[in-house]
N, C-alpha and C. Protein backbone atom coordinates (compact mmCIF):
# COMPACT_ATOMS: atom_id res chain seq x y z
N UNK A 1 8.41 20.44 -38.29
CA UNK A 1 7.94 20.74 -36.93
C UNK A 1 9.13 21.04 -36.02
N UNK A 2 9.03 22.09 -35.23
CA UNK A 2 10.16 22.55 -34.43
C UNK A 2 10.19 21.85 -33.08
N UNK A 3 10.80 20.67 -33.02
CA UNK A 3 10.92 19.90 -31.79
C UNK A 3 12.27 20.18 -31.15
N UNK A 4 12.26 20.63 -29.89
CA UNK A 4 13.51 20.94 -29.18
C UNK A 4 13.78 20.00 -28.01
N UNK A 5 12.75 19.27 -27.55
CA UNK A 5 12.93 18.37 -26.40
C UNK A 5 12.18 17.08 -26.60
N UNK A 6 12.66 16.03 -25.94
CA UNK A 6 12.01 14.71 -26.01
C UNK A 6 11.96 14.10 -24.62
N UNK A 7 10.77 13.69 -24.23
CA UNK A 7 10.54 13.06 -22.92
C UNK A 7 10.16 11.60 -23.18
N UNK A 8 10.91 10.68 -22.59
CA UNK A 8 10.69 9.26 -22.81
C UNK A 8 10.16 8.56 -21.56
N UNK A 9 9.08 7.84 -21.71
CA UNK A 9 8.70 6.84 -20.71
C UNK A 9 9.76 5.74 -20.73
N UNK A 10 9.81 4.95 -19.66
CA UNK A 10 10.78 3.84 -19.59
C UNK A 10 10.12 2.51 -19.96
N UNK A 11 9.26 2.00 -19.08
CA UNK A 11 8.69 0.66 -19.26
C UNK A 11 7.73 0.61 -20.43
N UNK A 12 8.01 -0.26 -21.39
CA UNK A 12 7.16 -0.39 -22.56
C UNK A 12 7.50 0.58 -23.67
N UNK A 13 8.38 1.53 -23.39
CA UNK A 13 8.79 2.52 -24.39
C UNK A 13 10.26 2.37 -24.73
N UNK A 14 11.13 2.63 -23.77
CA UNK A 14 12.57 2.43 -23.98
C UNK A 14 12.98 0.98 -23.71
N UNK A 15 12.30 0.35 -22.76
CA UNK A 15 12.63 -1.02 -22.40
C UNK A 15 11.41 -1.92 -22.51
N UNK A 16 11.65 -3.16 -22.87
CA UNK A 16 10.58 -4.15 -22.98
C UNK A 16 10.41 -4.79 -21.61
N UNK A 17 9.86 -4.02 -20.69
CA UNK A 17 9.89 -4.40 -19.27
C UNK A 17 8.53 -4.41 -18.61
N UNK A 18 7.45 -4.31 -19.37
CA UNK A 18 6.14 -4.32 -18.74
C UNK A 18 5.86 -5.64 -18.02
N UNK A 19 6.56 -6.69 -18.41
CA UNK A 19 6.37 -7.98 -17.73
C UNK A 19 6.67 -7.87 -16.24
N UNK A 20 7.60 -6.98 -15.87
CA UNK A 20 7.94 -6.80 -14.46
C UNK A 20 6.71 -6.37 -13.68
N UNK A 21 6.00 -5.37 -14.23
CA UNK A 21 4.88 -4.77 -13.52
C UNK A 21 3.62 -5.61 -13.62
N UNK A 22 3.63 -6.63 -14.46
CA UNK A 22 2.53 -7.59 -14.48
C UNK A 22 2.73 -8.66 -13.41
N UNK A 23 3.99 -9.03 -13.17
CA UNK A 23 4.29 -10.08 -12.20
C UNK A 23 4.48 -9.56 -10.79
N UNK A 24 5.14 -8.42 -10.64
CA UNK A 24 5.57 -7.95 -9.31
C UNK A 24 4.41 -7.71 -8.34
N UNK A 25 3.30 -7.05 -8.73
CA UNK A 25 2.22 -6.85 -7.75
C UNK A 25 1.63 -8.16 -7.25
N UNK A 26 1.52 -9.15 -8.14
CA UNK A 26 0.99 -10.45 -7.75
C UNK A 26 1.91 -11.10 -6.72
N UNK A 27 3.22 -11.06 -7.00
CA UNK A 27 4.17 -11.67 -6.06
C UNK A 27 4.19 -10.92 -4.73
N UNK A 28 4.07 -9.59 -4.80
CA UNK A 28 4.07 -8.78 -3.58
C UNK A 28 2.91 -9.19 -2.67
N UNK A 29 1.71 -9.25 -3.23
CA UNK A 29 0.54 -9.60 -2.43
C UNK A 29 0.69 -11.00 -1.85
N UNK A 30 1.18 -11.93 -2.62
CA UNK A 30 1.37 -13.30 -2.13
C UNK A 30 2.37 -13.36 -0.98
N UNK A 31 3.40 -12.54 -1.03
CA UNK A 31 4.40 -12.54 0.04
C UNK A 31 3.79 -12.17 1.39
N UNK A 32 2.74 -11.35 1.33
CA UNK A 32 2.11 -10.91 2.56
C UNK A 32 0.82 -11.68 2.86
N UNK A 33 0.66 -12.83 2.21
CA UNK A 33 -0.44 -13.72 2.53
C UNK A 33 -1.74 -13.48 1.80
N UNK A 34 -1.73 -12.59 0.82
CA UNK A 34 -2.94 -12.33 0.06
C UNK A 34 -3.12 -13.29 -1.10
N UNK A 35 -4.28 -13.22 -1.72
CA UNK A 35 -4.61 -14.12 -2.84
C UNK A 35 -5.06 -13.27 -4.03
N UNK A 36 -4.10 -12.75 -4.80
CA UNK A 36 -4.43 -11.83 -5.89
C UNK A 36 -4.84 -12.55 -7.17
N UNK A 37 -5.64 -11.90 -8.02
CA UNK A 37 -5.92 -12.45 -9.34
C UNK A 37 -4.69 -12.28 -10.24
N UNK A 38 -4.58 -13.12 -11.24
CA UNK A 38 -3.42 -13.08 -12.12
C UNK A 38 -3.33 -11.77 -12.90
N UNK A 39 -4.47 -11.12 -13.15
CA UNK A 39 -4.47 -9.88 -13.93
C UNK A 39 -4.52 -8.64 -13.04
N UNK A 40 -4.01 -8.73 -11.85
CA UNK A 40 -4.03 -7.61 -10.90
C UNK A 40 -3.42 -6.34 -11.48
N UNK A 41 -2.41 -6.47 -12.31
CA UNK A 41 -1.73 -5.30 -12.86
C UNK A 41 -2.67 -4.37 -13.62
N UNK A 42 -3.73 -4.91 -14.19
CA UNK A 42 -4.68 -4.08 -14.92
C UNK A 42 -5.35 -3.06 -14.00
N UNK A 43 -5.57 -3.43 -12.75
CA UNK A 43 -6.21 -2.52 -11.80
C UNK A 43 -5.27 -1.40 -11.35
N UNK A 44 -3.98 -1.60 -11.56
CA UNK A 44 -2.98 -0.67 -11.03
C UNK A 44 -2.36 0.23 -12.09
N UNK A 45 -2.66 0.01 -13.36
CA UNK A 45 -1.85 0.61 -14.42
C UNK A 45 -1.89 2.13 -14.46
N UNK A 46 -2.92 2.75 -13.91
CA UNK A 46 -2.97 4.21 -13.91
C UNK A 46 -2.56 4.81 -12.57
N UNK A 47 -2.10 3.98 -11.64
CA UNK A 47 -1.76 4.44 -10.29
C UNK A 47 -0.26 4.71 -10.15
N UNK A 48 0.07 5.68 -9.31
CA UNK A 48 1.45 5.87 -8.90
C UNK A 48 1.83 4.80 -7.88
N UNK A 49 3.12 4.77 -7.52
CA UNK A 49 3.62 3.72 -6.64
C UNK A 49 2.94 3.73 -5.27
N UNK A 50 2.83 4.90 -4.65
CA UNK A 50 2.20 4.96 -3.32
C UNK A 50 0.71 4.64 -3.40
N UNK A 51 0.03 5.18 -4.39
CA UNK A 51 -1.40 4.91 -4.55
C UNK A 51 -1.63 3.42 -4.72
N UNK A 52 -0.77 2.76 -5.50
CA UNK A 52 -0.90 1.31 -5.70
C UNK A 52 -0.67 0.55 -4.40
N UNK A 53 0.34 0.97 -3.62
CA UNK A 53 0.62 0.31 -2.35
C UNK A 53 -0.55 0.44 -1.39
N UNK A 54 -1.14 1.62 -1.34
CA UNK A 54 -2.29 1.84 -0.46
C UNK A 54 -3.49 1.02 -0.92
N UNK A 55 -3.68 0.94 -2.21
CA UNK A 55 -4.78 0.15 -2.77
C UNK A 55 -4.61 -1.33 -2.44
N UNK A 56 -3.41 -1.86 -2.65
CA UNK A 56 -3.16 -3.28 -2.37
C UNK A 56 -3.32 -3.59 -0.89
N UNK A 57 -2.84 -2.69 -0.05
CA UNK A 57 -2.94 -2.89 1.40
C UNK A 57 -4.41 -2.97 1.82
N UNK A 58 -5.22 -2.06 1.27
CA UNK A 58 -6.64 -2.05 1.65
C UNK A 58 -7.41 -3.22 1.03
N UNK A 59 -7.17 -3.48 -0.22
CA UNK A 59 -7.96 -4.51 -0.92
C UNK A 59 -7.70 -5.91 -0.37
N UNK A 60 -6.41 -6.21 -0.05
CA UNK A 60 -6.05 -7.56 0.37
C UNK A 60 -5.73 -7.65 1.87
N UNK A 61 -6.00 -6.56 2.61
CA UNK A 61 -5.76 -6.52 4.06
C UNK A 61 -4.33 -6.95 4.39
N UNK A 62 -3.37 -6.36 3.69
CA UNK A 62 -1.97 -6.75 3.87
C UNK A 62 -1.43 -6.18 5.18
N UNK A 63 -0.70 -6.99 5.95
CA UNK A 63 -0.19 -6.57 7.26
C UNK A 63 1.12 -5.79 7.16
N UNK A 64 1.09 -4.68 6.40
CA UNK A 64 2.29 -3.87 6.22
C UNK A 64 1.88 -2.46 5.85
N UNK A 65 2.71 -1.49 6.25
CA UNK A 65 2.47 -0.10 5.89
C UNK A 65 2.78 0.11 4.41
N UNK A 66 2.19 1.13 3.78
CA UNK A 66 2.49 1.40 2.37
C UNK A 66 3.98 1.54 2.08
N UNK A 67 4.72 2.16 3.01
CA UNK A 67 6.16 2.33 2.80
C UNK A 67 6.88 1.00 2.71
N UNK A 68 6.49 0.06 3.55
CA UNK A 68 7.11 -1.27 3.50
C UNK A 68 6.75 -1.99 2.21
N UNK A 69 5.52 -1.85 1.77
CA UNK A 69 5.12 -2.48 0.52
C UNK A 69 5.89 -1.89 -0.66
N UNK A 70 6.09 -0.59 -0.65
CA UNK A 70 6.85 0.06 -1.71
C UNK A 70 8.30 -0.43 -1.71
N UNK A 71 8.88 -0.56 -0.54
CA UNK A 71 10.26 -1.05 -0.44
C UNK A 71 10.38 -2.49 -0.93
N UNK A 72 9.41 -3.32 -0.56
CA UNK A 72 9.43 -4.72 -1.00
C UNK A 72 9.27 -4.81 -2.51
N UNK A 73 8.38 -4.00 -3.06
CA UNK A 73 8.20 -3.97 -4.50
C UNK A 73 9.49 -3.55 -5.21
N UNK A 74 10.16 -2.55 -4.66
CA UNK A 74 11.44 -2.13 -5.24
C UNK A 74 12.45 -3.28 -5.26
N UNK A 75 12.51 -4.02 -4.18
CA UNK A 75 13.44 -5.14 -4.12
C UNK A 75 13.12 -6.19 -5.19
N UNK A 76 11.83 -6.39 -5.44
CA UNK A 76 11.41 -7.39 -6.42
C UNK A 76 11.83 -7.02 -7.84
N UNK A 77 11.79 -5.71 -8.16
CA UNK A 77 11.99 -5.31 -9.55
C UNK A 77 13.39 -4.79 -9.88
N UNK A 78 14.14 -4.34 -8.88
CA UNK A 78 15.41 -3.68 -9.15
C UNK A 78 16.39 -4.57 -9.89
N UNK A 79 16.51 -5.82 -9.51
CA UNK A 79 17.47 -6.70 -10.16
C UNK A 79 17.12 -6.92 -11.63
N UNK A 80 15.85 -6.88 -11.98
CA UNK A 80 15.46 -7.00 -13.39
C UNK A 80 16.04 -5.85 -14.21
N UNK A 81 15.93 -4.64 -13.67
CA UNK A 81 16.48 -3.48 -14.39
C UNK A 81 18.00 -3.57 -14.50
N UNK A 82 18.64 -3.97 -13.45
CA UNK A 82 20.11 -4.02 -13.45
C UNK A 82 20.68 -5.10 -14.34
N UNK A 83 19.92 -6.19 -14.52
CA UNK A 83 20.52 -7.37 -15.14
C UNK A 83 19.84 -7.88 -16.40
N UNK A 84 18.54 -7.61 -16.57
CA UNK A 84 17.84 -8.38 -17.59
C UNK A 84 16.97 -7.61 -18.58
N UNK A 85 16.34 -6.52 -18.22
CA UNK A 85 15.35 -5.94 -19.13
C UNK A 85 16.00 -5.56 -20.47
N UNK A 86 15.36 -5.94 -21.59
CA UNK A 86 15.91 -5.62 -22.91
C UNK A 86 15.43 -4.26 -23.41
N UNK A 87 16.16 -3.74 -24.36
CA UNK A 87 15.82 -2.48 -25.02
C UNK A 87 14.72 -2.70 -26.03
N UNK A 88 13.81 -1.74 -26.14
CA UNK A 88 12.80 -1.80 -27.20
C UNK A 88 13.47 -1.54 -28.56
N UNK A 89 12.94 -2.12 -29.61
CA UNK A 89 13.56 -1.97 -30.93
C UNK A 89 13.72 -0.51 -31.35
N UNK A 90 14.91 -0.18 -31.82
CA UNK A 90 15.18 1.13 -32.39
C UNK A 90 15.52 2.23 -31.41
N UNK A 91 15.51 1.95 -30.11
CA UNK A 91 15.78 3.00 -29.13
C UNK A 91 17.17 3.59 -29.32
N UNK A 92 18.15 2.76 -29.55
CA UNK A 92 19.52 3.25 -29.71
C UNK A 92 19.66 4.12 -30.95
N UNK A 93 19.01 3.71 -32.05
CA UNK A 93 19.10 4.49 -33.29
C UNK A 93 18.40 5.84 -33.15
N UNK A 94 17.24 5.86 -32.51
CA UNK A 94 16.52 7.12 -32.33
C UNK A 94 17.30 8.07 -31.44
N UNK A 95 17.81 7.58 -30.33
CA UNK A 95 18.52 8.46 -29.40
C UNK A 95 19.80 9.03 -30.03
N UNK A 96 20.49 8.24 -30.82
CA UNK A 96 21.67 8.75 -31.52
C UNK A 96 21.28 9.86 -32.50
N UNK A 97 20.15 9.68 -33.19
CA UNK A 97 19.71 10.70 -34.14
C UNK A 97 19.28 11.98 -33.42
N UNK A 98 18.61 11.84 -32.27
CA UNK A 98 18.23 13.03 -31.51
C UNK A 98 19.45 13.79 -31.02
N UNK A 99 20.49 13.07 -30.65
CA UNK A 99 21.76 13.73 -30.29
C UNK A 99 22.27 14.56 -31.45
N UNK A 100 22.27 13.97 -32.63
CA UNK A 100 22.77 14.68 -33.82
C UNK A 100 21.95 15.93 -34.12
N UNK A 101 20.65 15.87 -33.84
CA UNK A 101 19.76 17.00 -34.10
C UNK A 101 19.78 18.04 -32.98
N UNK A 102 20.48 17.74 -31.88
CA UNK A 102 20.54 18.66 -30.76
C UNK A 102 19.27 18.74 -29.95
N UNK A 103 18.46 17.66 -29.98
CA UNK A 103 17.21 17.61 -29.22
C UNK A 103 17.49 17.03 -27.84
N UNK A 104 17.21 17.81 -26.80
CA UNK A 104 17.48 17.40 -25.42
C UNK A 104 16.50 16.32 -24.98
N UNK A 105 17.01 15.29 -24.29
CA UNK A 105 16.19 14.14 -23.91
C UNK A 105 16.23 13.89 -22.40
N UNK A 106 15.12 13.38 -21.88
CA UNK A 106 15.06 12.95 -20.49
C UNK A 106 14.10 11.77 -20.38
N UNK A 107 14.06 11.18 -19.19
CA UNK A 107 13.17 10.05 -18.91
C UNK A 107 12.18 10.44 -17.83
N UNK A 108 10.92 10.10 -18.04
CA UNK A 108 9.85 10.27 -17.05
C UNK A 108 9.26 8.90 -16.80
N UNK A 109 9.37 8.39 -15.57
CA UNK A 109 9.04 6.99 -15.33
C UNK A 109 8.27 6.77 -14.04
N UNK A 110 7.44 5.75 -14.03
CA UNK A 110 6.80 5.32 -12.80
C UNK A 110 7.75 4.53 -11.93
N UNK A 111 8.85 4.06 -12.51
CA UNK A 111 9.88 3.36 -11.75
C UNK A 111 10.75 4.37 -11.01
N UNK A 112 11.66 3.88 -10.20
CA UNK A 112 12.59 4.76 -9.49
C UNK A 112 13.65 5.28 -10.46
N UNK A 113 14.18 6.46 -10.18
CA UNK A 113 15.23 7.03 -11.02
C UNK A 113 16.44 6.10 -11.08
N UNK A 114 16.83 5.52 -9.95
CA UNK A 114 18.02 4.67 -9.96
C UNK A 114 17.80 3.41 -10.79
N UNK A 115 16.56 2.94 -10.88
CA UNK A 115 16.26 1.77 -11.70
C UNK A 115 16.37 2.12 -13.18
N UNK A 116 15.83 3.27 -13.55
CA UNK A 116 15.93 3.72 -14.93
C UNK A 116 17.39 3.91 -15.33
N UNK A 117 18.16 4.54 -14.46
CA UNK A 117 19.56 4.78 -14.77
C UNK A 117 20.33 3.48 -14.89
N UNK A 118 20.05 2.52 -14.01
CA UNK A 118 20.75 1.23 -14.06
C UNK A 118 20.47 0.52 -15.38
N UNK A 119 19.22 0.52 -15.81
CA UNK A 119 18.88 -0.13 -17.08
C UNK A 119 19.52 0.57 -18.26
N UNK A 120 19.47 1.89 -18.26
CA UNK A 120 20.04 2.65 -19.38
C UNK A 120 21.55 2.53 -19.43
N UNK A 121 22.21 2.52 -18.28
CA UNK A 121 23.67 2.35 -18.27
C UNK A 121 24.05 0.98 -18.82
N UNK A 122 23.35 -0.06 -18.40
CA UNK A 122 23.66 -1.41 -18.89
C UNK A 122 23.46 -1.51 -20.40
N UNK A 123 22.44 -0.82 -20.91
CA UNK A 123 22.14 -0.87 -22.34
C UNK A 123 22.95 0.15 -23.15
N UNK A 124 23.78 0.94 -22.48
CA UNK A 124 24.61 1.92 -23.17
C UNK A 124 23.87 3.15 -23.64
N UNK A 125 22.73 3.47 -23.03
CA UNK A 125 21.89 4.57 -23.49
C UNK A 125 21.86 5.77 -22.56
N UNK A 126 22.37 5.64 -21.34
CA UNK A 126 22.25 6.72 -20.37
C UNK A 126 22.91 8.01 -20.84
N UNK A 127 23.95 7.91 -21.65
CA UNK A 127 24.68 9.08 -22.15
C UNK A 127 23.78 10.02 -22.96
N UNK A 128 22.65 9.53 -23.44
CA UNK A 128 21.77 10.35 -24.27
C UNK A 128 20.79 11.21 -23.45
N UNK A 129 20.73 10.99 -22.15
CA UNK A 129 19.72 11.65 -21.32
C UNK A 129 20.34 12.67 -20.36
N UNK A 130 19.67 13.80 -20.23
CA UNK A 130 20.13 14.81 -19.28
C UNK A 130 19.79 14.43 -17.84
N UNK A 131 18.64 13.76 -17.65
CA UNK A 131 18.19 13.38 -16.31
C UNK A 131 17.01 12.44 -16.44
N UNK A 132 16.60 11.88 -15.32
CA UNK A 132 15.37 11.10 -15.21
C UNK A 132 14.58 11.61 -14.02
N UNK A 133 13.26 11.60 -14.12
CA UNK A 133 12.40 11.96 -13.00
C UNK A 133 11.38 10.85 -12.80
N UNK A 134 10.92 10.70 -11.57
CA UNK A 134 10.05 9.57 -11.22
C UNK A 134 8.70 10.03 -10.68
N UNK A 135 7.69 9.24 -10.99
CA UNK A 135 6.35 9.48 -10.43
C UNK A 135 6.34 9.31 -8.92
N UNK A 136 7.34 8.63 -8.37
CA UNK A 136 7.43 8.49 -6.92
C UNK A 136 7.51 9.87 -6.26
N UNK A 137 8.19 10.80 -6.93
CA UNK A 137 8.32 12.16 -6.40
C UNK A 137 7.23 13.11 -6.91
N UNK A 138 6.78 12.92 -8.15
CA UNK A 138 5.92 13.92 -8.78
C UNK A 138 4.48 13.47 -9.01
N UNK A 139 4.14 12.26 -8.61
CA UNK A 139 2.77 11.78 -8.79
C UNK A 139 2.61 11.05 -10.11
N UNK A 140 1.50 10.32 -10.23
CA UNK A 140 1.27 9.48 -11.39
C UNK A 140 0.98 10.26 -12.66
N UNK A 141 0.89 9.53 -13.75
CA UNK A 141 0.75 10.14 -15.06
C UNK A 141 -0.71 10.41 -15.45
N UNK A 142 -1.61 10.35 -14.50
CA UNK A 142 -2.97 10.79 -14.76
C UNK A 142 -3.09 12.30 -14.59
N UNK A 143 -2.03 12.94 -14.11
CA UNK A 143 -1.99 14.40 -14.08
C UNK A 143 -0.65 14.86 -14.66
N UNK A 144 -0.57 16.10 -15.14
CA UNK A 144 0.57 16.52 -15.96
C UNK A 144 1.81 16.98 -15.22
N UNK A 145 1.78 17.00 -13.90
CA UNK A 145 2.87 17.61 -13.13
C UNK A 145 4.26 17.12 -13.55
N UNK A 146 4.40 15.81 -13.71
CA UNK A 146 5.72 15.26 -13.98
C UNK A 146 6.21 15.64 -15.38
N UNK A 147 5.31 15.71 -16.34
CA UNK A 147 5.70 16.12 -17.69
C UNK A 147 6.09 17.60 -17.71
N UNK A 148 5.34 18.42 -17.00
CA UNK A 148 5.64 19.84 -16.95
C UNK A 148 6.97 20.10 -16.25
N UNK A 149 7.25 19.33 -15.19
CA UNK A 149 8.53 19.47 -14.51
C UNK A 149 9.68 19.06 -15.43
N UNK A 150 9.49 17.98 -16.16
CA UNK A 150 10.54 17.53 -17.08
C UNK A 150 10.80 18.57 -18.16
N UNK A 151 9.74 19.16 -18.73
CA UNK A 151 9.92 20.19 -19.75
C UNK A 151 10.61 21.42 -19.16
N UNK A 152 10.24 21.78 -17.94
CA UNK A 152 10.90 22.93 -17.29
C UNK A 152 12.39 22.69 -17.16
N UNK A 153 12.77 21.48 -16.75
CA UNK A 153 14.19 21.17 -16.58
C UNK A 153 14.91 21.04 -17.91
N UNK A 154 14.20 20.62 -18.94
CA UNK A 154 14.81 20.60 -20.28
C UNK A 154 14.95 22.01 -20.86
N UNK A 155 14.10 22.92 -20.39
CA UNK A 155 14.09 24.28 -20.92
C UNK A 155 13.31 24.39 -22.22
N UNK A 156 12.31 23.51 -22.39
CA UNK A 156 11.51 23.53 -23.62
C UNK A 156 10.03 23.67 -23.27
N UNK A 157 9.28 24.33 -24.15
CA UNK A 157 7.84 24.47 -23.97
C UNK A 157 7.15 23.17 -24.37
N UNK A 158 5.98 22.86 -23.78
CA UNK A 158 5.27 21.64 -24.17
C UNK A 158 5.05 21.51 -25.67
N UNK A 159 4.70 22.60 -26.34
CA UNK A 159 4.40 22.54 -27.77
C UNK A 159 5.60 22.18 -28.62
N UNK A 160 6.81 22.35 -28.08
CA UNK A 160 8.03 21.99 -28.82
C UNK A 160 8.72 20.78 -28.21
N UNK A 161 7.94 20.00 -27.44
CA UNK A 161 8.47 18.81 -26.76
C UNK A 161 7.61 17.61 -27.10
N UNK A 162 8.25 16.52 -27.52
CA UNK A 162 7.50 15.30 -27.84
C UNK A 162 7.63 14.31 -26.70
N UNK A 163 6.51 13.72 -26.30
CA UNK A 163 6.47 12.71 -25.25
C UNK A 163 6.28 11.34 -25.90
N UNK A 164 7.19 10.41 -25.62
CA UNK A 164 7.12 9.05 -26.14
C UNK A 164 6.51 8.17 -25.06
N UNK A 165 5.34 7.61 -25.33
CA UNK A 165 4.60 6.84 -24.32
C UNK A 165 3.92 5.63 -24.96
N UNK A 166 3.91 4.51 -24.23
CA UNK A 166 3.15 3.34 -24.67
C UNK A 166 1.79 3.25 -23.98
N UNK A 167 1.61 3.95 -22.86
CA UNK A 167 0.37 3.85 -22.08
C UNK A 167 -0.63 4.90 -22.53
N UNK A 168 -1.83 4.48 -22.84
CA UNK A 168 -2.86 5.38 -23.35
C UNK A 168 -3.18 6.49 -22.36
N UNK A 169 -3.35 6.15 -21.08
CA UNK A 169 -3.72 7.19 -20.11
C UNK A 169 -2.63 8.25 -19.98
N UNK A 170 -1.37 7.83 -20.05
CA UNK A 170 -0.26 8.77 -19.96
C UNK A 170 -0.17 9.64 -21.20
N UNK A 171 -0.39 9.03 -22.36
CA UNK A 171 -0.38 9.80 -23.61
C UNK A 171 -1.49 10.86 -23.60
N UNK A 172 -2.66 10.51 -23.08
CA UNK A 172 -3.76 11.46 -22.98
C UNK A 172 -3.37 12.64 -22.09
N UNK A 173 -2.76 12.34 -20.96
CA UNK A 173 -2.35 13.40 -20.04
C UNK A 173 -1.38 14.35 -20.70
N UNK A 174 -0.38 13.81 -21.38
CA UNK A 174 0.62 14.65 -22.04
C UNK A 174 -0.02 15.49 -23.14
N UNK A 175 -0.89 14.88 -23.92
CA UNK A 175 -1.55 15.61 -25.02
C UNK A 175 -2.40 16.75 -24.49
N UNK A 176 -3.14 16.49 -23.42
CA UNK A 176 -4.00 17.52 -22.84
C UNK A 176 -3.20 18.66 -22.23
N UNK A 177 -1.94 18.40 -21.87
CA UNK A 177 -1.07 19.43 -21.31
C UNK A 177 -0.33 20.21 -22.40
N UNK A 178 -0.59 19.89 -23.66
CA UNK A 178 -0.02 20.67 -24.75
C UNK A 178 1.21 20.08 -25.40
N UNK A 179 1.60 18.85 -25.00
CA UNK A 179 2.77 18.22 -25.59
C UNK A 179 2.41 17.54 -26.91
N UNK A 180 3.41 17.36 -27.76
CA UNK A 180 3.28 16.46 -28.90
C UNK A 180 3.45 15.04 -28.37
N UNK A 181 2.84 14.08 -28.99
CA UNK A 181 2.88 12.71 -28.47
C UNK A 181 3.22 11.72 -29.57
N UNK A 182 4.16 10.83 -29.25
CA UNK A 182 4.45 9.68 -30.10
C UNK A 182 4.03 8.42 -29.35
N UNK A 183 3.02 7.74 -29.87
CA UNK A 183 2.58 6.49 -29.26
C UNK A 183 3.49 5.35 -29.65
N UNK A 184 3.82 4.50 -28.69
CA UNK A 184 4.72 3.37 -28.91
C UNK A 184 3.95 2.07 -28.70
N UNK A 185 3.97 1.22 -29.70
CA UNK A 185 3.30 -0.07 -29.57
C UNK A 185 3.97 -0.91 -28.48
N UNK A 186 3.13 -1.57 -27.67
CA UNK A 186 3.65 -2.55 -26.71
C UNK A 186 2.61 -3.65 -26.55
N UNK A 187 3.08 -4.88 -26.50
CA UNK A 187 2.17 -6.02 -26.46
C UNK A 187 1.34 -6.07 -25.18
N UNK A 188 1.77 -5.37 -24.13
CA UNK A 188 1.05 -5.42 -22.86
C UNK A 188 -0.27 -4.67 -22.90
N UNK A 189 -0.47 -3.82 -23.92
CA UNK A 189 -1.70 -3.02 -24.00
C UNK A 189 -2.29 -3.08 -25.40
N UNK A 190 -2.40 -4.28 -25.92
CA UNK A 190 -2.89 -4.46 -27.28
C UNK A 190 -4.28 -3.85 -27.47
N UNK A 191 -5.11 -3.93 -26.43
CA UNK A 191 -6.48 -3.43 -26.55
C UNK A 191 -6.55 -1.91 -26.66
N UNK A 192 -5.46 -1.22 -26.31
CA UNK A 192 -5.44 0.25 -26.34
C UNK A 192 -4.81 0.82 -27.60
N UNK A 193 -4.30 -0.03 -28.48
CA UNK A 193 -3.48 0.46 -29.58
C UNK A 193 -4.26 1.31 -30.58
N UNK A 194 -5.48 0.96 -30.89
CA UNK A 194 -6.26 1.76 -31.84
C UNK A 194 -6.48 3.17 -31.29
N UNK A 195 -6.82 3.27 -30.02
CA UNK A 195 -7.05 4.58 -29.40
C UNK A 195 -5.75 5.38 -29.31
N UNK A 196 -4.66 4.70 -29.01
CA UNK A 196 -3.37 5.37 -28.91
C UNK A 196 -2.95 5.91 -30.27
N UNK A 197 -3.15 5.13 -31.31
CA UNK A 197 -2.81 5.56 -32.66
C UNK A 197 -3.61 6.80 -33.06
N UNK A 198 -4.89 6.83 -32.69
CA UNK A 198 -5.75 7.96 -33.02
C UNK A 198 -5.34 9.22 -32.26
N UNK A 199 -4.99 9.05 -31.00
CA UNK A 199 -4.64 10.19 -30.15
C UNK A 199 -3.31 10.82 -30.53
N UNK A 200 -2.33 10.01 -30.89
CA UNK A 200 -0.94 10.46 -31.02
C UNK A 200 -0.69 11.21 -32.32
N UNK A 201 0.31 12.09 -32.28
CA UNK A 201 0.78 12.77 -33.48
C UNK A 201 1.56 11.80 -34.38
N UNK A 202 2.25 10.88 -33.74
CA UNK A 202 2.97 9.81 -34.43
C UNK A 202 2.69 8.51 -33.69
N UNK A 203 2.86 7.39 -34.38
CA UNK A 203 2.69 6.09 -33.76
C UNK A 203 3.67 5.13 -34.43
N UNK A 204 4.51 4.47 -33.64
CA UNK A 204 5.52 3.58 -34.21
C UNK A 204 5.61 2.29 -33.42
N UNK A 205 6.01 1.23 -34.08
CA UNK A 205 6.37 -0.03 -33.44
C UNK A 205 7.86 -0.07 -33.14
N UNK A 206 8.65 0.55 -33.98
CA UNK A 206 10.11 0.60 -33.84
C UNK A 206 10.49 2.07 -33.62
N UNK A 207 11.11 2.36 -32.50
CA UNK A 207 11.47 3.75 -32.19
C UNK A 207 12.34 4.38 -33.26
N UNK A 208 13.16 3.54 -33.90
CA UNK A 208 14.04 4.06 -34.94
C UNK A 208 13.31 4.59 -36.15
N UNK A 209 12.00 4.32 -36.26
CA UNK A 209 11.21 4.80 -37.40
C UNK A 209 10.68 6.20 -37.20
N UNK A 210 10.82 6.77 -36.00
CA UNK A 210 10.25 8.10 -35.75
C UNK A 210 11.12 9.18 -36.37
N UNK A 211 10.47 10.17 -36.98
CA UNK A 211 11.16 11.34 -37.53
C UNK A 211 10.37 12.58 -37.16
N UNK A 212 11.06 13.63 -36.70
CA UNK A 212 10.37 14.87 -36.32
C UNK A 212 9.84 15.60 -37.55
């Protein structure tokens, strides 16, 4: 198969960091006096950052503008990326192999670009990526805009570009836009794994096991 580009999700794909997004919305709502359910993250998983902030503000009557909520959320999660989030198994081996094959790589993330870069630099992986783009600028992964922009910047067509994703809704979006898809197992979405395996062209638990 003629693969020329690779687009990587960050949370749950390159980094074992979905725990951040399970805890952070709950803590955010509590800071502003709300009483969120422990599984609040499930309601937000298909939303972009602004959409989630607007939803939380309306649902819990939070006394803050969406911009303030987004800034507070950033403060809650940034230190995790800079200091603690671990790499998913095999990411370093896969990225080194893609370098050898001349396959151009980038990151497409719901997190901020600076957060992705901080995590990748600490883990020694940033050198493998041409750039990162964020849903904060391009919208959530329920629509293909961010994947198409990433492919445009890589200079590769969707059909010759593989998207690595752990989230079922994001994998569906990429597949419907004409990309090849590699599903990545993550414990945060165990209930979606059968559907992700069926949808994807490849499915791996260890990134180092993927071969084009």
